[in-house]
Protein backbone atom coordinates (compact mmCIF):
# COMPACT_ATOMS: atom_id res chain seq x y z
CA MET A 1 128.54 97.24 51.21
CA PRO A 2 129.58 97.07 54.85
CA ARG A 3 130.00 93.68 56.48
CA GLY A 4 126.80 92.26 57.92
CA TRP A 5 124.42 94.27 55.81
CA ARG A 6 121.97 92.65 53.50
CA ARG A 7 120.98 93.82 50.07
CA GLY A 8 118.23 96.34 50.20
CA TRP A 9 119.12 97.81 53.59
CA SER A 10 120.07 101.44 53.77
CA PRO A 11 122.09 102.89 56.61
CA GLY A 12 118.91 104.33 58.19
CA THR A 13 116.99 101.04 58.15
CA ALA A 14 119.74 98.53 59.11
CA PRO A 15 118.77 96.58 62.33
CA LEU A 16 120.63 97.40 65.49
CA PHE A 17 123.92 95.46 65.70
CA ALA A 18 123.51 94.19 62.12
CA SER A 19 127.27 94.09 61.65
CA TYR A 20 128.03 92.32 64.91
CA GLY A 21 127.98 88.64 65.63
CA SER A 22 125.26 86.96 67.62
CA THR A 23 127.63 86.57 70.62
CA THR A 24 127.91 90.36 70.94
CA LEU A 25 124.13 90.70 70.70
CA ASN A 26 123.57 88.06 73.34
CA LEU A 27 126.08 89.70 75.67
CA PHE A 28 124.24 93.01 75.20
CA ARG A 29 120.89 91.34 75.92
CA MET A 30 122.30 89.72 79.03
CA ALA A 31 123.72 93.06 80.32
CA MET A 32 120.35 94.80 79.79
CA LEU A 33 118.51 91.94 81.55
CA THR A 34 120.92 92.15 84.50
CA LEU A 35 120.43 95.95 84.76
CA THR A 36 116.68 95.52 84.66
CA VAL A 37 116.68 92.82 87.37
CA SER A 38 119.02 94.89 89.51
CA ALA A 39 116.75 97.95 89.24
CA GLY A 40 113.72 95.89 90.20
CA LEU A 41 115.39 94.45 93.28
CA SER A 42 116.58 97.88 94.50
CA ILE A 43 112.96 99.23 94.10
CA ALA A 44 111.63 96.25 96.15
CA GLN A 45 114.29 96.83 98.85
CA ASP A 46 113.30 100.58 98.89
CA LYS A 47 109.64 99.67 99.35
CA ALA A 48 110.44 97.17 102.13
CA SER A 49 112.58 99.78 103.99
CA GLU A 50 109.91 102.47 103.56
CA PHE A 51 107.28 100.01 104.94
CA ARG A 52 109.46 99.13 107.92
CA ASN A 53 110.06 102.89 108.70
CA HIS A 54 106.39 103.72 108.74
CA PHE A 55 105.51 100.51 110.70
CA ASP A 56 108.16 101.22 113.36
CA GLN A 57 107.16 104.84 113.60
CA GLY A 58 103.61 103.72 114.16
CA LYS A 59 104.70 101.38 116.96
CA VAL A 60 106.57 104.23 118.67
CA LEU A 61 103.57 106.52 118.41
CA PHE A 62 101.19 103.89 119.69
CA ALA A 63 103.41 103.28 122.69
CA ALA A 64 103.45 106.98 123.40
CA GLY A 65 99.70 107.05 123.35
CA LYS A 66 99.36 109.10 120.10
CA PHE A 67 96.79 106.80 118.56
CA ALA A 68 95.70 109.12 115.69
CA GLU A 69 99.21 109.69 114.45
CA ALA A 70 99.97 105.97 114.86
CA ALA A 71 96.94 105.12 112.77
CA THR A 72 98.19 107.43 110.07
CA GLU A 73 101.56 105.64 109.99
CA PHE A 74 99.97 102.23 110.01
CA GLU A 75 97.69 103.21 107.12
CA THR A 76 100.71 104.43 105.13
CA ALA A 77 102.52 101.21 105.82
CA HIS A 78 99.46 99.28 104.82
CA THR A 79 99.22 101.08 101.46
CA ILE A 80 102.88 100.18 100.77
CA ASN A 81 102.41 96.46 101.66
CA VAL A 82 98.81 95.35 101.69
CA THR A 83 99.72 91.73 102.27
CA GLU A 84 101.09 92.27 105.79
CA PRO A 85 98.19 91.44 108.18
CA VAL A 86 99.81 92.89 111.30
CA THR A 87 99.23 96.39 109.94
CA GLN A 88 95.52 95.77 109.87
CA LYS A 89 95.61 94.47 113.53
CA ASN A 90 97.54 97.54 114.65
CA LEU A 91 95.17 99.86 112.79
CA ALA A 92 92.24 98.17 114.59
CA LEU A 93 93.92 98.63 117.92
CA CYS A 94 94.47 102.30 117.23
CA TYR A 95 90.92 102.84 116.19
CA MET A 96 89.70 101.04 119.35
CA LYS A 97 91.86 103.41 121.50
CA LEU A 98 90.48 106.54 119.79
């Protein structure tokens, strides 16, 4: 019987990393956690930059007097980050100018 296997386990039912020590399993878990956190941070950064792009484009359009297009950009920015109150203020300004 291979090292680390218990009686009654067959090769198809042995748990993952059954023949490895707990240190290897813990290192694997740490690596997976690190990858998961890194992926989450990059998604958050992508959302922040997408919000900033739409918000800045809305400001440029508002300054150019294109209030309908600016409102569309501010609405898109608001759907990305609903907790940012300045997008609601800018939307209200656009709607007042229409």
